[in-house]
Amino acid sequence: MASRNPADLHPDLQPIYKKFAAQAKLQGIDYILTCTYRSGEEQDALYAQGRTKKGAIVTNAKAGQSAHNFKIGNAPAAKAFDIVPLEAGKPVWRASHPSWAKLGKIGMDLGLNWYGAPNARFKEFPHFEMAKV
């Protein structure tokens, strides 16, 4: 089962995530951390969605291509996390909700790649990833 534990983030991403969470709280934005580390099998199942399984396409990454699949040795060390804002305690997935833009700005100001940004090739509003170095 995919992790929602910030401890499963890459050691370089953990302090950035803590700043992200603090900034969101300061701005009064409530959200759920929906994914940190994801196994290769889980990644392939998501990739199949909208292709060979029912549902909308939610990722273009197969196992090993996603920053969620990264490990250091055998330990999870995801280089990405997914979130969803809450409104009245319920997840809000629609891209037009103003919290997405605010959360995206927080992430980008912290140096993360946000896949909901206007220049993102594949729109994936929940996804924040360490910038490639």
N, C-alpha and C. Protein backbone atom coordinates (compact mmCIF):
# COMPACT_ATOMS: atom_id res chain seq x y z
N MET A 1 0.84 -1.18 0.00
CA MET A 1 0.00 0.00 0.00
C MET A 1 0.89 1.25 0.00
N ALA A 2 0.56 2.20 -0.83
CA ALA A 2 1.33 3.43 -0.92
C ALA A 2 1.41 4.11 0.44
N SER A 3 2.54 4.73 0.70
CA SER A 3 2.76 5.39 1.97
C SER A 3 2.24 6.82 1.96
N ARG A 4 1.81 7.26 3.12
CA ARG A 4 1.45 8.66 3.36
C ARG A 4 2.35 9.25 4.44
N ASN A 5 3.43 8.56 4.73
CA ASN A 5 4.31 8.93 5.82
C ASN A 5 5.42 9.87 5.33
N PRO A 6 5.52 11.08 5.88
CA PRO A 6 6.60 11.98 5.47
C PRO A 6 8.00 11.41 5.73
N ALA A 7 8.11 10.46 6.65
CA ALA A 7 9.40 9.82 6.92
C ALA A 7 9.87 8.97 5.73
N ASP A 8 8.95 8.64 4.82
CA ASP A 8 9.31 7.88 3.61
C ASP A 8 9.74 8.77 2.45
N LEU A 9 9.86 10.07 2.71
CA LEU A 9 10.40 11.00 1.71
C LEU A 9 11.93 10.95 1.76
N HIS A 10 12.54 11.31 0.65
CA HIS A 10 14.00 11.41 0.56
C HIS A 10 14.49 12.36 1.67
N PRO A 11 15.65 12.07 2.28
CA PRO A 11 16.15 12.94 3.35
C PRO A 11 16.28 14.41 2.94
N ASP A 12 16.56 14.69 1.68
CA ASP A 12 16.65 16.08 1.23
C ASP A 12 15.27 16.72 1.07
N LEU A 13 14.25 15.91 0.89
CA LEU A 13 12.89 16.43 0.70
C LEU A 13 12.16 16.63 2.03
N GLN A 14 12.52 15.88 3.04
CA GLN A 14 11.80 15.97 4.32
C GLN A 14 11.76 17.38 4.91
N PRO A 15 12.89 18.12 4.97
CA PRO A 15 12.79 19.48 5.53
C PRO A 15 11.99 20.43 4.62
N ILE A 16 12.02 20.20 3.32
CA ILE A 16 11.23 21.02 2.40
C ILE A 16 9.75 20.76 2.62
N TYR A 17 9.40 19.48 2.80
CA TYR A 17 8.00 19.14 3.06
C TYR A 17 7.53 19.79 4.37
N LYS A 18 8.38 19.78 5.40
CA LYS A 18 7.99 20.40 6.68
C LYS A 18 7.71 21.88 6.49
N LYS A 19 8.54 22.56 5.68
CA LYS A 19 8.30 23.98 5.39
C LYS A 19 7.01 24.15 4.59
N PHE A 20 6.77 23.25 3.64
CA PHE A 20 5.54 23.27 2.84
C PHE A 20 4.33 23.19 3.77
N ALA A 21 4.35 22.20 4.66
CA ALA A 21 3.22 22.00 5.59
C ALA A 21 3.02 23.22 6.48
N ALA A 22 4.11 23.81 6.96
CA ALA A 22 4.02 24.98 7.83
C ALA A 22 3.45 26.18 7.08
N GLN A 23 3.89 26.38 5.83
CA GLN A 23 3.38 27.49 5.03
C GLN A 23 1.89 27.33 4.74
N ALA A 24 1.48 26.10 4.41
CA ALA A 24 0.06 25.85 4.14
C ALA A 24 -0.77 26.16 5.38
N LYS A 25 -0.28 25.75 6.53
CA LYS A 25 -1.00 26.01 7.78
C LYS A 25 -1.10 27.50 8.05
N LEU A 26 0.03 28.23 7.84
CA LEU A 26 0.02 29.68 8.03
C LEU A 26 -1.01 30.37 7.15
N GLN A 27 -1.21 29.82 5.95
CA GLN A 27 -2.17 30.41 5.02
C GLN A 27 -3.59 29.86 5.22
N GLY A 28 -3.75 29.01 6.22
CA GLY A 28 -5.07 28.47 6.52
C GLY A 28 -5.57 27.44 5.53
N ILE A 29 -4.64 26.76 4.85
CA ILE A 29 -5.02 25.76 3.86
C ILE A 29 -4.88 24.37 4.48
N ASP A 30 -5.98 23.68 4.54
CA ASP A 30 -5.99 22.31 5.06
C ASP A 30 -5.88 21.36 3.87
N TYR A 31 -5.09 20.31 4.02
CA TYR A 31 -4.92 19.32 2.95
C TYR A 31 -4.59 17.97 3.55
N ILE A 32 -4.66 16.95 2.71
CA ILE A 32 -4.26 15.59 3.09
C ILE A 32 -3.04 15.21 2.26
N LEU A 33 -2.05 14.64 2.90
CA LEU A 33 -0.91 14.04 2.20
C LEU A 33 -1.39 12.67 1.73
N THR A 34 -1.53 12.49 0.42
CA THR A 34 -2.12 11.26 -0.10
C THR A 34 -1.09 10.22 -0.50
N CYS A 35 0.16 10.63 -0.77
CA CYS A 35 1.16 9.65 -1.16
C CYS A 35 2.56 10.22 -1.03
N THR A 36 3.44 9.39 -0.47
CA THR A 36 4.88 9.68 -0.48
C THR A 36 5.51 8.56 -1.31
N TYR A 37 5.92 7.46 -0.67
CA TYR A 37 6.52 6.34 -1.40
C TYR A 37 5.43 5.44 -1.99
N ARG A 38 5.71 4.93 -3.21
CA ARG A 38 4.81 3.99 -3.88
C ARG A 38 5.68 2.90 -4.52
N SER A 39 5.32 1.65 -4.33
CA SER A 39 6.08 0.54 -4.91
C SER A 39 5.94 0.51 -6.43
N GLY A 40 6.82 -0.24 -7.05
CA GLY A 40 6.74 -0.41 -8.50
C GLY A 40 5.43 -1.04 -8.94
N GLU A 41 4.95 -2.00 -8.17
CA GLU A 41 3.67 -2.66 -8.50
C GLU A 41 2.52 -1.66 -8.42
N GLU A 42 2.53 -0.84 -7.38
CA GLU A 42 1.48 0.17 -7.24
C GLU A 42 1.57 1.19 -8.37
N GLN A 43 2.79 1.54 -8.77
CA GLN A 43 2.98 2.49 -9.86
C GLN A 43 2.43 1.93 -11.16
N ASP A 44 2.73 0.66 -11.44
CA ASP A 44 2.23 0.04 -12.67
C ASP A 44 0.71 -0.06 -12.67
N ALA A 45 0.11 -0.29 -11.50
CA ALA A 45 -1.35 -0.34 -11.41
C ALA A 45 -1.95 1.04 -11.72
N LEU A 46 -1.32 2.09 -11.22
CA LEU A 46 -1.79 3.46 -11.55
C LEU A 46 -1.61 3.76 -13.03
N TYR A 47 -0.47 3.32 -13.58
CA TYR A 47 -0.21 3.56 -15.00
C TYR A 47 -1.25 2.85 -15.88
N ALA A 48 -1.71 1.68 -15.45
CA ALA A 48 -2.71 0.92 -16.21
C ALA A 48 -4.07 1.62 -16.22
N GLN A 49 -4.32 2.43 -15.19
CA GLN A 49 -5.60 3.13 -15.10
C GLN A 49 -5.79 4.03 -16.30
N GLY A 50 -6.93 3.87 -16.97
CA GLY A 50 -7.23 4.66 -18.15
C GLY A 50 -6.62 4.08 -19.42
N ARG A 51 -5.85 3.03 -19.26
CA ARG A 51 -5.25 2.37 -20.41
C ARG A 51 -5.84 0.95 -20.53
N THR A 52 -5.45 0.08 -19.63
CA THR A 52 -5.97 -1.30 -19.66
C THR A 52 -6.97 -1.55 -18.54
N LYS A 53 -7.14 -0.58 -17.64
CA LYS A 53 -8.12 -0.67 -16.55
C LYS A 53 -9.02 0.56 -16.59
N LYS A 54 -10.22 0.42 -16.00
CA LYS A 54 -11.17 1.52 -15.97
C LYS A 54 -10.60 2.72 -15.23
N GLY A 55 -11.08 3.88 -15.61
CA GLY A 55 -10.71 5.11 -14.91
C GLY A 55 -9.97 6.07 -15.82
N ALA A 56 -9.74 7.25 -15.29
CA ALA A 56 -9.02 8.29 -16.03
C ALA A 56 -7.51 8.07 -15.88
N ILE A 57 -6.77 8.48 -16.88
CA ILE A 57 -5.31 8.43 -16.79
C ILE A 57 -4.86 9.42 -15.73
N VAL A 58 -4.06 8.94 -14.77
CA VAL A 58 -3.59 9.81 -13.69
C VAL A 58 -2.07 9.94 -13.66
N THR A 59 -1.36 9.14 -14.46
CA THR A 59 0.10 9.24 -14.50
C THR A 59 0.61 8.79 -15.86
N ASN A 60 1.74 9.33 -16.24
CA ASN A 60 2.43 8.89 -17.45
C ASN A 60 3.68 8.09 -17.09
N ALA A 61 3.89 7.80 -15.82
CA ALA A 61 5.10 7.13 -15.36
C ALA A 61 4.83 5.66 -15.02
N LYS A 62 5.63 4.80 -15.61
CA LYS A 62 5.60 3.38 -15.25
C LYS A 62 6.51 3.18 -14.04
N ALA A 63 6.51 1.96 -13.50
CA ALA A 63 7.38 1.63 -12.37
C ALA A 63 8.83 1.98 -12.70
N GLY A 64 9.49 2.62 -11.76
CA GLY A 64 10.88 3.02 -11.94
C GLY A 64 11.05 4.37 -12.61
N GLN A 65 9.97 4.91 -13.19
CA GLN A 65 10.03 6.22 -13.84
C GLN A 65 9.48 7.33 -12.94
N SER A 66 8.86 6.95 -11.84
CA SER A 66 8.22 7.92 -10.96
C SER A 66 9.14 8.28 -9.79
N ALA A 67 9.11 9.53 -9.41
CA ALA A 67 9.88 9.98 -8.25
C ALA A 67 9.31 9.39 -6.95
N HIS A 68 8.11 8.83 -7.01
CA HIS A 68 7.53 8.17 -5.84
C HIS A 68 8.20 6.82 -5.58
N ASN A 69 8.88 6.24 -6.57
CA ASN A 69 9.44 4.90 -6.48
C ASN A 69 10.88 4.86 -5.97
N PHE A 70 11.46 6.00 -5.65
CA PHE A 70 12.88 6.06 -5.31
C PHE A 70 13.15 5.43 -3.95
N LYS A 71 14.28 4.74 -3.85
CA LYS A 71 14.73 4.13 -2.58
C LYS A 71 16.20 4.45 -2.38
N ILE A 72 16.63 4.42 -1.13
CA ILE A 72 18.05 4.44 -0.78
C ILE A 72 18.30 3.09 -0.13
N GLY A 73 19.05 2.23 -0.79
CA GLY A 73 19.18 0.85 -0.34
C GLY A 73 17.81 0.20 -0.44
N ASN A 74 17.32 -0.34 0.65
CA ASN A 74 15.97 -0.93 0.67
C ASN A 74 14.94 -0.02 1.30
N ALA A 75 15.37 1.18 1.72
CA ALA A 75 14.47 2.08 2.43
C ALA A 75 13.78 3.05 1.47
N PRO A 76 12.47 3.25 1.65
CA PRO A 76 11.77 4.25 0.84
C PRO A 76 12.42 5.62 0.98
N ALA A 77 12.54 6.32 -0.14
CA ALA A 77 13.11 7.68 -0.14
C ALA A 77 12.48 8.45 -1.30
N ALA A 78 11.16 8.55 -1.28
CA ALA A 78 10.43 9.19 -2.37
C ALA A 78 10.92 10.61 -2.60
N LYS A 79 11.05 10.96 -3.86
CA LYS A 79 11.46 12.31 -4.23
C LYS A 79 10.25 13.16 -4.64
N ALA A 80 9.06 12.67 -4.28
CA ALA A 80 7.82 13.38 -4.60
C ALA A 80 6.77 13.07 -3.55
N PHE A 81 5.79 13.98 -3.46
CA PHE A 81 4.62 13.72 -2.63
C PHE A 81 3.39 14.25 -3.34
N ASP A 82 2.25 13.65 -3.02
CA ASP A 82 0.96 14.06 -3.57
C ASP A 82 0.08 14.52 -2.41
N ILE A 83 -0.75 15.51 -2.70
CA ILE A 83 -1.66 16.06 -1.70
C ILE A 83 -3.01 16.33 -2.34
N VAL A 84 -3.99 16.63 -1.53
CA VAL A 84 -5.27 17.15 -2.01
C VAL A 84 -5.79 18.13 -0.95
N PRO A 85 -6.21 19.33 -1.39
CA PRO A 85 -6.77 20.28 -0.42
C PRO A 85 -8.13 19.80 0.09
N LEU A 86 -8.47 20.28 1.26
CA LEU A 86 -9.75 19.96 1.88
C LEU A 86 -10.62 21.21 1.97
N GLU A 87 -11.90 21.00 1.82
CA GLU A 87 -12.88 22.06 2.04
C GLU A 87 -13.97 21.45 2.89
N ALA A 88 -14.18 22.00 4.06
CA ALA A 88 -15.14 21.46 5.02
C ALA A 88 -14.84 19.98 5.30
N GLY A 89 -13.55 19.66 5.35
CA GLY A 89 -13.13 18.30 5.68
C GLY A 89 -13.19 17.30 4.55
N LYS A 90 -13.55 17.74 3.34
CA LYS A 90 -13.68 16.83 2.21
C LYS A 90 -12.65 17.18 1.13
N PRO A 91 -12.07 16.16 0.48
CA PRO A 91 -11.08 16.42 -0.57
C PRO A 91 -11.71 17.18 -1.75
N VAL A 92 -10.95 18.11 -2.30
CA VAL A 92 -11.39 18.91 -3.44
C VAL A 92 -10.43 18.64 -4.60
N TRP A 93 -10.89 17.87 -5.58
CA TRP A 93 -10.02 17.47 -6.69
C TRP A 93 -10.11 18.42 -7.89
N ARG A 94 -11.14 19.25 -7.96
CA ARG A 94 -11.30 20.09 -9.16
C ARG A 94 -10.19 21.15 -9.22
N ALA A 95 -9.60 21.24 -10.40
CA ALA A 95 -8.44 22.11 -10.62
C ALA A 95 -8.75 23.58 -10.42
N SER A 96 -10.01 23.96 -10.51
CA SER A 96 -10.38 25.38 -10.39
C SER A 96 -10.41 25.86 -8.93
N HIS A 97 -10.30 24.96 -7.98
CA HIS A 97 -10.35 25.37 -6.57
C HIS A 97 -9.14 26.24 -6.26
N PRO A 98 -9.33 27.40 -5.60
CA PRO A 98 -8.22 28.34 -5.36
C PRO A 98 -7.08 27.79 -4.50
N SER A 99 -7.34 26.77 -3.69
CA SER A 99 -6.26 26.21 -2.86
C SER A 99 -5.15 25.60 -3.70
N TRP A 100 -5.49 25.06 -4.88
CA TRP A 100 -4.45 24.46 -5.72
C TRP A 100 -3.39 25.49 -6.09
N ALA A 101 -3.81 26.66 -6.53
CA ALA A 101 -2.85 27.69 -6.94
C ALA A 101 -2.01 28.13 -5.75
N LYS A 102 -2.63 28.26 -4.58
CA LYS A 102 -1.88 28.67 -3.39
C LYS A 102 -0.88 27.60 -2.97
N LEU A 103 -1.30 26.34 -2.98
CA LEU A 103 -0.38 25.25 -2.63
C LEU A 103 0.72 25.12 -3.67
N GLY A 104 0.36 25.29 -4.94
CA GLY A 104 1.36 25.24 -6.00
C GLY A 104 2.42 26.31 -5.83
N LYS A 105 1.99 27.52 -5.48
CA LYS A 105 2.94 28.61 -5.27
C LYS A 105 3.86 28.31 -4.08
N ILE A 106 3.30 27.77 -3.00
CA ILE A 106 4.13 27.41 -1.85
C ILE A 106 5.20 26.43 -2.29
N GLY A 107 4.81 25.38 -2.98
CA GLY A 107 5.76 24.37 -3.43
C GLY A 107 6.82 24.94 -4.36
N MET A 108 6.40 25.72 -5.33
CA MET A 108 7.37 26.29 -6.29
C MET A 108 8.31 27.27 -5.60
N ASP A 109 7.79 28.06 -4.65
CA ASP A 109 8.65 28.99 -3.89
C ASP A 109 9.70 28.24 -3.08
N LEU A 110 9.40 26.99 -2.73
CA LEU A 110 10.35 26.16 -1.99
C LEU A 110 11.28 25.37 -2.93
N GLY A 111 11.15 25.61 -4.24
CA GLY A 111 12.03 24.98 -5.21
C GLY A 111 11.54 23.65 -5.76
N LEU A 112 10.29 23.30 -5.47
CA LEU A 112 9.73 22.05 -5.98
C LEU A 112 9.14 22.24 -7.36
N ASN A 113 9.13 21.17 -8.13
CA ASN A 113 8.38 21.17 -9.38
C ASN A 113 6.95 20.80 -9.05
N TRP A 114 6.01 21.63 -9.49
CA TRP A 114 4.59 21.36 -9.28
C TRP A 114 3.99 21.01 -10.62
N TYR A 115 3.37 19.86 -10.72
CA TYR A 115 2.82 19.38 -11.98
C TYR A 115 1.46 20.00 -12.31
N GLY A 116 1.03 20.96 -11.52
CA GLY A 116 -0.18 21.72 -11.84
C GLY A 116 0.17 23.10 -12.39
N ALA A 117 1.48 23.39 -12.48
CA ALA A 117 1.93 24.70 -12.98
C ALA A 117 1.48 24.90 -14.42
N PRO A 118 1.30 26.16 -14.81
CA PRO A 118 0.85 26.44 -16.18
C PRO A 118 1.72 25.81 -17.27
N ASN A 119 3.02 25.68 -17.02
CA ASN A 119 3.92 25.13 -18.04
C ASN A 119 4.09 23.61 -17.95
N ALA A 120 3.38 22.95 -17.04
CA ALA A 120 3.51 21.49 -16.89
C ALA A 120 2.96 20.79 -18.13
N ARG A 121 3.74 19.87 -18.68
CA ARG A 121 3.31 19.14 -19.88
C ARG A 121 2.13 18.23 -19.58
N PHE A 122 2.17 17.56 -18.45
CA PHE A 122 1.09 16.67 -18.02
C PHE A 122 0.56 17.23 -16.71
N LYS A 123 -0.69 17.63 -16.70
CA LYS A 123 -1.27 18.24 -15.50
C LYS A 123 -1.59 17.17 -14.46
N GLU A 124 -0.97 17.34 -13.31
CA GLU A 124 -1.19 16.45 -12.17
C GLU A 124 -1.12 17.33 -10.93
N PHE A 125 -2.21 18.02 -10.65
CA PHE A 125 -2.25 19.03 -9.59
C PHE A 125 -1.76 18.53 -8.23
N PRO A 126 -2.02 17.28 -7.83
CA PRO A 126 -1.59 16.83 -6.51
C PRO A 126 -0.07 16.63 -6.37
N HIS A 127 0.67 16.58 -7.47
CA HIS A 127 2.05 16.11 -7.48
C HIS A 127 3.09 17.23 -7.32
N PHE A 128 3.93 17.09 -6.28
CA PHE A 128 5.07 17.97 -6.03
C PHE A 128 6.33 17.11 -6.00
N GLU A 129 7.35 17.56 -6.70
CA GLU A 129 8.56 16.73 -6.87
C GLU A 129 9.82 17.56 -6.70
N MET A 130 10.85 16.92 -6.16
CA MET A 130 12.16 17.58 -6.05
C MET A 130 12.61 17.99 -7.45
N ALA A 131 13.18 19.18 -7.55
CA ALA A 131 13.70 19.64 -8.84
C ALA A 131 14.87 18.75 -9.24
N LYS A 132 14.96 18.47 -10.52
CA LYS A 132 16.08 17.67 -11.03
C LYS A 132 17.35 18.50 -10.95
N VAL A 133 18.43 17.87 -10.50
CA VAL A 133 19.70 18.59 -10.40
C VAL A 133 20.70 18.05 -11.38
